[in-house]
Amino acid sequence: MPGSSLPSPPDPASDRPSPPAGRADRLAERAEVLRELVPPYLARRRALLLWLAAGLVATGWAAIWVGCRYVVMDDVVSVVVGAFFLAVAVGLVVPSTLAVASGVRDDLEARERLRAWAGSARDRDSLARWHSPGRALFWLLPSLVLCCFGVASTAVAAADGSARALGFALVAAGTGALGMAKAVGYYRLVSRELTPAPEEPEELEEPEELEEPEELDEPQEPEMPEEFEADPAGGRPDDMR
């Protein structure tokens, strides 16, 4: 499941409140994308490929242990046989490790997009379209057994001081942990879908700003009438005669 073939993450604008018609379209798109993402993410063949790669890594580790035992001998034939086992070990371990690393990288990218789409909304009605309990159990139960067996074997091998058994135990524990992480992460996503969405607080309208009162014009002082000039002859002005 290469990253280029995955559906793109949801638009951040889809997180905003939308009218009922827009919400219905968004939920339909979300259900369709989840139905496209989940089956490849939890495909049984991917679990089988993971276990096959882990088996090849364990076989390569056994070849390394055998080859080292032959190489330390003084016999030329033993050294040649040891070199052959070491070459076989490299041919098994390196490609298998790269395949597991590539699968983990693709799973991480798919998980992020799966969480993004699942977190964009919640809808119990659409859960049946993409919920895959059978695939999730196929990942969970064998991985749980493998992880527990690997942890117990690691404790026993560490106590005995056996490097070969310790390598097998670590491979088993790591493979089981990868499968459990995928299954548990998916179950958490489903449990989140079943819980009611938190109510969004209503946005309070900001009070309108009060308009500042207009400044009143200052009252103008009445103009004083001009004083009449007195006639030097003691009479009244011409206009008053």
C-alpha atoms as a PDB file:
ATOM      1  CA  MET A   1       0.000   0.000   0.000  1.00  0.00           C
ATOM      2  CA  PRO A   2       2.338   2.771  -1.178  1.00  0.00           C
ATOM      3  CA  GLY A   3       1.722   6.241   0.158  1.00  0.00           C
ATOM      4  CA  SER A   4       1.037   7.729  -3.288  1.00  0.00           C
ATOM      5  CA  SER A   5      -2.075   5.546  -3.716  1.00  0.00           C
ATOM      6  CA  LEU A   6      -3.620   6.599  -0.401  1.00  0.00           C
ATOM      7  CA  PRO A   7      -6.504   9.093  -0.299  1.00  0.00           C
ATOM      8  CA  SER A   8      -5.388  12.593   0.566  1.00  0.00           C
ATOM      9  CA  PRO A   9      -6.008  13.919   4.109  1.00  0.00           C
ATOM     10  CA  PRO A  10      -9.243  15.818   4.726  1.00  0.00           C
ATOM     11  CA  ASP A  11      -9.454  19.513   4.058  1.00  0.00           C
ATOM     12  CA  PRO A  12      -8.921  21.492   7.295  1.00  0.00           C
ATOM     13  CA  ALA A  13     -11.907  23.618   6.336  1.00  0.00           C
ATOM     14  CA  SER A  14     -14.153  20.551   6.820  1.00  0.00           C
ATOM     15  CA  ASP A  15     -13.725  20.841  10.591  1.00  0.00           C
ATOM     16  CA  ARG A  16     -15.805  24.005  10.643  1.00  0.00           C
ATOM     17  CA  PRO A  17     -19.533  23.815  11.330  1.00  0.00           C
ATOM     18  CA  SER A  18     -21.524  23.183   8.188  1.00  0.00           C
ATOM     19  CA  PRO A  19     -25.231  23.128   7.307  1.00  0.00           C
ATOM     20  CA  PRO A  20     -27.084  19.768   7.422  1.00  0.00           C
ATOM     21  CA  ALA A  21     -26.766  19.227   3.679  1.00  0.00           C
ATOM     22  CA  GLY A  22     -23.030  19.910   3.722  1.00  0.00           C
ATOM     23  CA  ARG A  23     -22.567  17.670   6.771  1.00  0.00           C
ATOM     24  CA  ALA A  24     -24.324  14.788   5.021  1.00  0.00           C
ATOM     25  CA  ASP A  25     -22.020  15.125   2.017  1.00  0.00           C
ATOM     26  CA  ARG A  26     -18.979  15.264   4.278  1.00  0.00           C
ATOM     27  CA  LEU A  27     -20.035  12.130   6.187  1.00  0.00           C
ATOM     28  CA  ALA A  28     -20.647  10.269   2.934  1.00  0.00           C
ATOM     29  CA  GLU A  29     -17.200  11.235   1.644  1.00  0.00           C
ATOM     30  CA  ARG A  30     -15.630  10.273   4.965  1.00  0.00           C
ATOM     31  CA  ALA A  31     -17.308   6.846   4.981  1.00  0.00           C
ATOM     32  CA  GLU A  32     -16.187   6.197   1.411  1.00  0.00           C
ATOM     33  CA  VAL A  33     -12.566   7.108   2.174  1.00  0.00           C
ATOM     34  CA  LEU A  34     -12.493   5.001   5.350  1.00  0.00           C
ATOM     35  CA  ARG A  35     -13.905   2.058   3.441  1.00  0.00           C
ATOM     36  CA  GLU A  36     -11.071   2.509   0.952  1.00  0.00           C
ATOM     37  CA  LEU A  37      -8.362   2.860   3.621  1.00  0.00           C
ATOM     38  CA  VAL A  38      -9.265   0.114   6.109  1.00  0.00           C
ATOM     39  CA  PRO A  39      -9.213  -3.076   3.956  1.00  0.00           C
ATOM     40  CA  PRO A  40      -5.653  -2.555   2.643  1.00  0.00           C
ATOM     41  CA  TYR A  41      -4.497  -1.426   6.092  1.00  0.00           C
ATOM     42  CA  LEU A  42      -5.803  -4.570   7.828  1.00  0.00           C
ATOM     43  CA  ALA A  43      -5.335  -6.981   4.916  1.00  0.00           C
ATOM     44  CA  ARG A  44      -4.560 -10.542   5.996  1.00  0.00           C
ATOM     45  CA  ARG A  45      -1.892 -10.876   3.335  1.00  0.00           C
ATOM     46  CA  ARG A  46       0.047  -8.061   4.992  1.00  0.00           C
ATOM     47  CA  ALA A  47       0.035 -10.002   8.256  1.00  0.00           C
ATOM     48  CA  LEU A  48       1.214 -13.129   6.447  1.00  0.00           C
ATOM     49  CA  LEU A  49       3.983 -11.162   4.735  1.00  0.00           C
ATOM     50  CA  LEU A  50       5.063  -9.728   8.087  1.00  0.00           C
ATOM     51  CA  TRP A  51       5.255 -13.162   9.659  1.00  0.00           C
ATOM     52  CA  LEU A  52       7.087 -14.528   6.610  1.00  0.00           C
ATOM     53  CA  ALA A  53       9.645 -11.734   6.804  1.00  0.00           C
ATOM     54  CA  ALA A  54      10.081 -12.369  10.541  1.00  0.00           C
ATOM     55  CA  GLY A  55      10.635 -16.065   9.833  1.00  0.00           C
ATOM     56  CA  LEU A  56      13.295 -15.219   7.244  1.00  0.00           C
ATOM     57  CA  VAL A  57      15.023 -12.900   9.703  1.00  0.00           C
ATOM     58  CA  ALA A  58      14.999 -15.658  12.335  1.00  0.00           C
ATOM     59  CA  THR A  59      16.393 -18.118   9.772  1.00  0.00           C
ATOM     60  CA  GLY A  60      19.097 -15.637   8.861  1.00  0.00           C
ATOM     61  CA  TRP A  61      19.965 -15.217  12.525  1.00  0.00           C
ATOM     62  CA  ALA A  62      20.359 -19.000  12.826  1.00  0.00           C
ATOM     63  CA  ALA A  63      22.581 -18.984   9.723  1.00  0.00           C
ATOM     64  CA  ILE A  64      24.738 -16.249  11.261  1.00  0.00           C
ATOM     65  CA  TRP A  65      25.142 -18.277  14.442  1.00  0.00           C
ATOM     66  CA  VAL A  66      26.111 -21.434  12.496  1.00  0.00           C
ATOM     67  CA  GLY A  67      28.445 -19.558  10.181  1.00  0.00           C
ATOM     68  CA  CYS A  68      30.301 -17.937  13.073  1.00  0.00           C
ATOM     69  CA  ARG A  69      30.861 -21.323  14.658  1.00  0.00           C
ATOM     70  CA  TYR A  70      32.400 -22.676  11.442  1.00  0.00           C
ATOM     71  CA  VAL A  71      34.515 -19.622  10.732  1.00  0.00           C
ATOM     72  CA  VAL A  72      36.354 -19.785  14.061  1.00  0.00           C
ATOM     73  CA  MET A  73      37.654 -23.273  13.208  1.00  0.00           C
ATOM     74  CA  ASP A  74      41.154 -23.667  11.754  1.00  0.00           C
ATOM     75  CA  ASP A  75      40.015 -26.043   9.029  1.00  0.00           C
ATOM     76  CA  VAL A  76      39.837 -24.455   5.576  1.00  0.00           C
ATOM     77  CA  VAL A  77      36.713 -26.395   4.668  1.00  0.00           C
ATOM     78  CA  SER A  78      35.023 -25.196   7.843  1.00  0.00           C
ATOM     79  CA  VAL A  79      35.901 -21.594   7.035  1.00  0.00           C
ATOM     80  CA  VAL A  80      34.442 -21.959   3.540  1.00  0.00           C
ATOM     81  CA  VAL A  81      31.267 -23.514   4.944  1.00  0.00           C
ATOM     82  CA  GLY A  82      31.035 -20.734   7.531  1.00  0.00           C
ATOM     83  CA  ALA A  83      31.431 -18.058   4.859  1.00  0.00           C
ATOM     84  CA  PHE A  84      28.662 -19.708   2.855  1.00  0.00           C
ATOM     85  CA  PHE A  85      26.305 -19.645   5.826  1.00  0.00           C
ATOM     86  CA  LEU A  86      27.149 -16.006   6.491  1.00  0.00           C
ATOM     87  CA  ALA A  87      26.413 -15.104   2.870  1.00  0.00           C
ATOM     88  CA  VAL A  88      23.080 -16.910   3.084  1.00  0.00           C
ATOM     89  CA  ALA A  89      22.332 -15.055   6.325  1.00  0.00           C
ATOM     90  CA  VAL A  90      22.993 -11.679   4.722  1.00  0.00           C
ATOM     91  CA  GLY A  91      20.792 -12.610   1.764  1.00  0.00           C
ATOM     92  CA  LEU A  92      17.963 -13.473   4.150  1.00  0.00           C
ATOM     93  CA  VAL A  93      18.240 -10.804   6.802  1.00  0.00           C
ATOM     94  CA  VAL A  94      18.878  -7.681   4.737  1.00  0.00           C
ATOM     95  CA  PRO A  95      15.962  -7.936   2.243  1.00  0.00           C
ATOM     96  CA  SER A  96      13.559  -9.115   4.954  1.00  0.00           C
ATOM     97  CA  THR A  97      14.504  -6.260   7.267  1.00  0.00           C
ATOM     98  CA  LEU A  98      14.102  -3.722   4.467  1.00  0.00           C
ATOM     99  CA  ALA A  99      10.692  -5.184   3.589  1.00  0.00           C
ATOM    100  CA  VAL A 100       9.539  -4.938   7.210  1.00  0.00           C
ATOM    101  CA  ALA A 101      10.821  -1.359   7.466  1.00  0.00           C
ATOM    102  CA  SER A 102       9.009  -0.395   4.253  1.00  0.00           C
ATOM    103  CA  GLY A 103       5.789  -1.972   5.510  1.00  0.00           C
ATOM    104  CA  VAL A 104       6.036  -0.163   8.828  1.00  0.00           C
ATOM    105  CA  ARG A 105       6.585   3.150   7.048  1.00  0.00           C
ATOM    106  CA  ASP A 106       3.528   2.611   4.832  1.00  0.00           C
ATOM    107  CA  ASP A 107       1.459   1.584   7.858  1.00  0.00           C
ATOM    108  CA  LEU A 108       2.415   4.730   9.728  1.00  0.00           C
ATOM    109  CA  GLU A 109       1.400   6.930   6.812  1.00  0.00           C
ATOM    110  CA  ALA A 110      -1.866   5.048   6.344  1.00  0.00           C
ATOM    111  CA  ARG A 111      -2.582   5.249  10.079  1.00  0.00           C
ATOM    112  CA  GLU A 112      -2.123   9.022  10.121  1.00  0.00           C
ATOM    113  CA  ARG A 113      -4.540   9.494   7.238  1.00  0.00           C
ATOM    114  CA  LEU A 114      -6.965   7.027   8.770  1.00  0.00           C
ATOM    115  CA  ARG A 115      -6.944   8.962  12.039  1.00  0.00           C
ATOM    116  CA  ALA A 116      -7.330  12.264  10.217  1.00  0.00           C
ATOM    117  CA  TRP A 117     -10.406  11.092   8.326  1.00  0.00           C
ATOM    118  CA  ALA A 118     -11.892   9.323  11.334  1.00  0.00           C
ATOM    119  CA  GLY A 119     -11.349  12.394  13.501  1.00  0.00           C
ATOM    120  CA  SER A 120     -12.996  14.774  11.040  1.00  0.00           C
ATOM    121  CA  ALA A 121     -16.462  13.682  12.240  1.00  0.00           C
ATOM    122  CA  ARG A 122     -18.328  10.910  14.065  1.00  0.00           C
ATOM    123  CA  ASP A 123     -21.152   8.881  12.649  1.00  0.00           C
ATOM    124  CA  ARG A 124     -22.291   5.558  14.093  1.00  0.00           C
ATOM    125  CA  ASP A 125     -24.457   4.843  11.075  1.00  0.00           C
ATOM    126  CA  SER A 126     -21.430   4.719   8.760  1.00  0.00           C
ATOM    127  CA  LEU A 127     -19.403   2.489  11.103  1.00  0.00           C
ATOM    128  CA  ALA A 128     -20.726  -0.713   9.529  1.00  0.00           C
ATOM    129  CA  ARG A 129     -19.372   0.337   6.131  1.00  0.00           C
ATOM    130  CA  TRP A 130     -15.717   0.289   7.160  1.00  0.00           C
ATOM    131  CA  HIS A 131     -15.598  -1.613  10.451  1.00  0.00           C
ATOM    132  CA  SER A 132     -13.636  -4.884   9.944  1.00  0.00           C
ATOM    133  CA  PRO A 133     -13.700  -6.921  13.178  1.00  0.00           C
ATOM    134  CA  GLY A 134     -12.552 -10.106  11.460  1.00  0.00           C
ATOM    135  CA  ARG A 135      -9.422  -8.530  10.017  1.00  0.00           C
ATOM    136  CA  ALA A 136      -8.634  -6.794  13.297  1.00  0.00           C
ATOM    137  CA  LEU A 137      -8.927 -10.072  15.244  1.00  0.00           C
ATOM    138  CA  PHE A 138      -6.718 -11.795  12.682  1.00  0.00           C
ATOM    139  CA  TRP A 139      -4.048  -9.230  13.482  1.00  0.00           C
ATOM    140  CA  LEU A 140      -4.626  -9.109  17.224  1.00  0.00           C
ATOM    141  CA  LEU A 141      -4.829 -12.713  18.438  1.00  0.00           C
ATOM    142  CA  PRO A 142      -1.782 -14.246  16.687  1.00  0.00           C
ATOM    143  CA  SER A 143       0.254 -11.128  17.428  1.00  0.00           C
ATOM    144  CA  LEU A 144      -0.695 -11.317  21.108  1.00  0.00           C
ATOM    145  CA  VAL A 145       0.368 -14.971  21.312  1.00  0.00           C
ATOM    146  CA  LEU A 146       3.586 -14.265  19.423  1.00  0.00           C
ATOM    147  CA  CYS A 147       4.448 -11.271  21.596  1.00  0.00           C
ATOM    148  CA  CYS A 148       3.818 -13.131  24.856  1.00  0.00           C
ATOM    149  CA  PHE A 149       5.860 -16.110  23.640  1.00  0.00           C
ATOM    150  CA  GLY A 150       8.694 -13.803  22.599  1.00  0.00           C
ATOM    151  CA  VAL A 151       8.759 -11.955  25.927  1.00  0.00           C
ATOM    152  CA  ALA A 152       8.776 -15.199  27.925  1.00  0.00           C
ATOM    153  CA  SER A 153      11.468 -16.681  25.687  1.00  0.00           C
ATOM    154  CA  THR A 154      13.553 -13.527  26.036  1.00  0.00           C
ATOM    155  CA  ALA A 155      13.525 -13.853  29.822  1.00  0.00           C
ATOM    156  CA  VAL A 156      14.497 -17.537  29.643  1.00  0.00           C
ATOM    157  CA  ALA A 157      17.233 -16.938  27.041  1.00  0.00           C
ATOM    158  CA  ALA A 158      18.677 -14.036  29.048  1.00  0.00           C
ATOM    159  CA  ALA A 159      18.833 -16.232  32.123  1.00  0.00           C
ATOM    160  CA  ASP A 160      20.528 -19.105  30.215  1.00  0.00           C
ATOM    161  CA  GLY A 161      22.869 -16.800  28.303  1.00  0.00           C
ATOM    162  CA  SER A 162      21.987 -18.349  24.928  1.00  0.00           C
ATOM    163  CA  ALA A 163      22.560 -15.857  22.107  1.00  0.00           C
ATOM    164  CA  ARG A 164      20.766 -17.965  19.519  1.00  0.00           C
ATOM    165  CA  ALA A 165      17.603 -18.323  21.614  1.00  0.00           C
ATOM    166  CA  LEU A 166      17.736 -14.642  22.544  1.00  0.00           C
ATOM    167  CA  GLY A 167      17.754 -13.641  18.887  1.00  0.00           C
ATOM    168  CA  PHE A 168      14.736 -15.818  18.108  1.00  0.00           C
ATOM    169  CA  ALA A 169      12.868 -14.443  21.115  1.00  0.00           C
ATOM    170  CA  LEU A 170      13.532 -10.825  20.182  1.00  0.00           C
ATOM    171  CA  VAL A 171      12.346 -11.388  16.618  1.00  0.00           C
ATOM    172  CA  ALA A 172       9.137 -13.020  17.874  1.00  0.00           C
ATOM    173  CA  ALA A 173       8.484 -10.288  20.441  1.00  0.00           C
ATOM    174  CA  GLY A 174       9.101  -7.484  17.924  1.00  0.00           C
ATOM    175  CA  THR A 175       6.859  -9.051  15.285  1.00  0.00           C
ATOM    176  CA  GLY A 176       4.052  -9.571  17.773  1.00  0.00           C
ATOM    177  CA  ALA A 177       4.403  -6.006  19.057  1.00  0.00           C
ATOM    178  CA  LEU A 178       4.027  -4.583  15.527  1.00  0.00           C
ATOM    179  CA  GLY A 179       0.850  -6.556  14.906  1.00  0.00           C
ATOM    180  CA  MET A 180      -0.624  -5.666  18.294  1.00  0.00           C
ATOM    181  CA  ALA A 181       0.095  -1.969  17.792  1.00  0.00           C
ATOM    182  CA  LYS A 182      -1.818  -1.988  14.512  1.00  0.00           C
ATOM    183  CA  ALA A 183      -4.810  -3.884  15.936  1.00  0.00           C
ATOM    184  CA  VAL A 184      -5.003  -1.882  19.169  1.00  0.00           C
ATOM    185  CA  GLY A 185      -4.759   1.410  17.287  1.00  0.00           C
ATOM    186  CA  TYR A 186      -7.647   0.369  15.077  1.00  0.00           C
ATOM    187  CA  TYR A 187      -9.793  -0.688  18.044  1.00  0.00           C
ATOM    188  CA  ARG A 188      -9.149   2.683  19.670  1.00  0.00           C
ATOM    189  CA  LEU A 189     -10.350   4.377  16.511  1.00  0.00           C
ATOM    190  CA  VAL A 190     -13.557   2.305  16.545  1.00  0.00           C
ATOM    191  CA  SER A 191     -14.181   2.975  20.249  1.00  0.00           C
ATOM    192  CA  ARG A 192     -13.801   6.706  19.596  1.00  0.00           C
ATOM    193  CA  GLU A 193     -16.379   6.423  16.826  1.00  0.00           C
ATOM    194  CA  LEU A 194     -18.883   4.900  19.250  1.00  0.00           C
ATOM    195  CA  THR A 195     -18.534   7.650  21.854  1.00  0.00           C
ATOM    196  CA  PRO A 196     -20.686  10.751  21.441  1.00  0.00           C
ATOM    197  CA  ALA A 197     -18.964  13.789  20.040  1.00  0.00           C
ATOM    198  CA  PRO A 198     -18.407  16.644  22.498  1.00  0.00           C
ATOM    199  CA  GLU A 199     -20.777  19.502  22.096  1.00  0.00           C
ATOM    200  CA  GLU A 200     -19.213  22.537  20.537  1.00  0.00           C
ATOM    201  CA  PRO A 201     -19.649  25.677  22.653  1.00  0.00           C
ATOM    202  CA  GLU A 202     -21.754  28.307  21.047  1.00  0.00           C
ATOM    203  CA  GLU A 203     -19.839  31.323  19.962  1.00  0.00           C
ATOM    204  CA  LEU A 204     -20.934  34.460  21.802  1.00  0.00           C
ATOM    205  CA  GLU A 205     -21.647  37.452  19.625  1.00  0.00           C
ATOM    206  CA  GLU A 206     -19.368  40.332  20.328  1.00  0.00           C
ATOM    207  CA  PRO A 207     -21.241  43.441  21.548  1.00  0.00           C
ATOM    208  CA  GLU A 208     -21.452  46.199  19.019  1.00  0.00           C
ATOM    209  CA  GLU A 209     -19.195  49.097  19.676  1.00  0.00           C
ATOM    210  CA  LEU A 210     -20.986  52.208  20.849  1.00  0.00           C
ATOM    211  CA  GLU A 211     -20.621  55.137  18.543  1.00  0.00           C
ATOM    212  CA  GLU A 212     -18.929  58.086  20.108  1.00  0.00           C
ATOM    213  CA  PRO A 213     -21.214  61.154  20.361  1.00  0.00           C
ATOM    214  CA  GLU A 214     -20.437  63.827  17.887  1.00  0.00           C
ATOM    215  CA  GLU A 215     -18.789  66.863  19.342  1.00  0.00           C
ATOM    216  CA  LEU A 216     -21.147  69.811  19.593  1.00  0.00           C
ATOM    217  CA  ASP A 217     -20.074  73.018  17.988  1.00  0.00           C
ATOM    218  CA  GLU A 218     -19.173  75.663  20.484  1.00  0.00           C
ATOM    219  CA  PRO A 219     -21.819  78.447  20.690  1.00  0.00           C
ATOM    220  CA  GLN A 220     -20.769  81.510  18.887  1.00  0.00           C
ATOM    221  CA  GLU A 221     -20.842  84.738  20.815  1.00  0.00           C
ATOM    222  CA  PRO A 222     -23.303  87.312  19.433  1.00  0.00           C
ATOM    223  CA  GLU A 223     -21.682  90.156  17.629  1.00  0.00           C
ATOM    224  CA  MET A 224     -21.890  93.447  19.455  1.00  0.00           C
ATOM    225  CA  PRO A 225     -23.404  96.326  17.419  1.00  0.00           C
ATOM    226  CA  GLU A 226     -20.945  98.925  16.367  1.00  0.00           C
ATOM    227  CA  GLU A 227     -21.113 102.123  18.400  1.00  0.00           C
ATOM    228  CA  PHE A 228     -22.323 105.191  16.601  1.00  0.00           C
ATOM    229  CA  GLU A 229     -19.809 107.882  16.252  1.00  0.00           C
ATOM    230  CA  ALA A 230     -20.950 111.107  17.841  1.00  0.00           C
ATOM    231  CA  ASP A 231     -21.364 114.136  15.641  1.00  0.00           C
ATOM    232  CA  PRO A 232     -18.777 116.735  16.616  1.00  0.00           C
ATOM    233  CA  ALA A 233     -21.470 119.403  16.252  1.00  0.00           C
ATOM    234  CA  GLY A 234     -23.523 117.716  18.898  1.00  0.00           C
ATOM    235  CA  GLY A 235     -26.172 116.640  16.502  1.00  0.00           C
ATOM    236  CA  ARG A 236     -27.327 113.175  15.448  1.00  0.00           C
ATOM    237  CA  PRO A 237     -25.935 111.243  12.535  1.00  0.00           C
ATOM    238  CA  ASP A 238     -27.312 112.044   9.119  1.00  0.00           C
ATOM    239  CA  ASP A 239     -29.246 108.798   8.923  1.00  0.00           C
ATOM    240  CA  MET A 240     -31.084 109.580  12.090  1.00  0.00           C
ATOM    241  CA  ARG A 241     -32.334 113.008  11.016  1.00  0.00           C
END
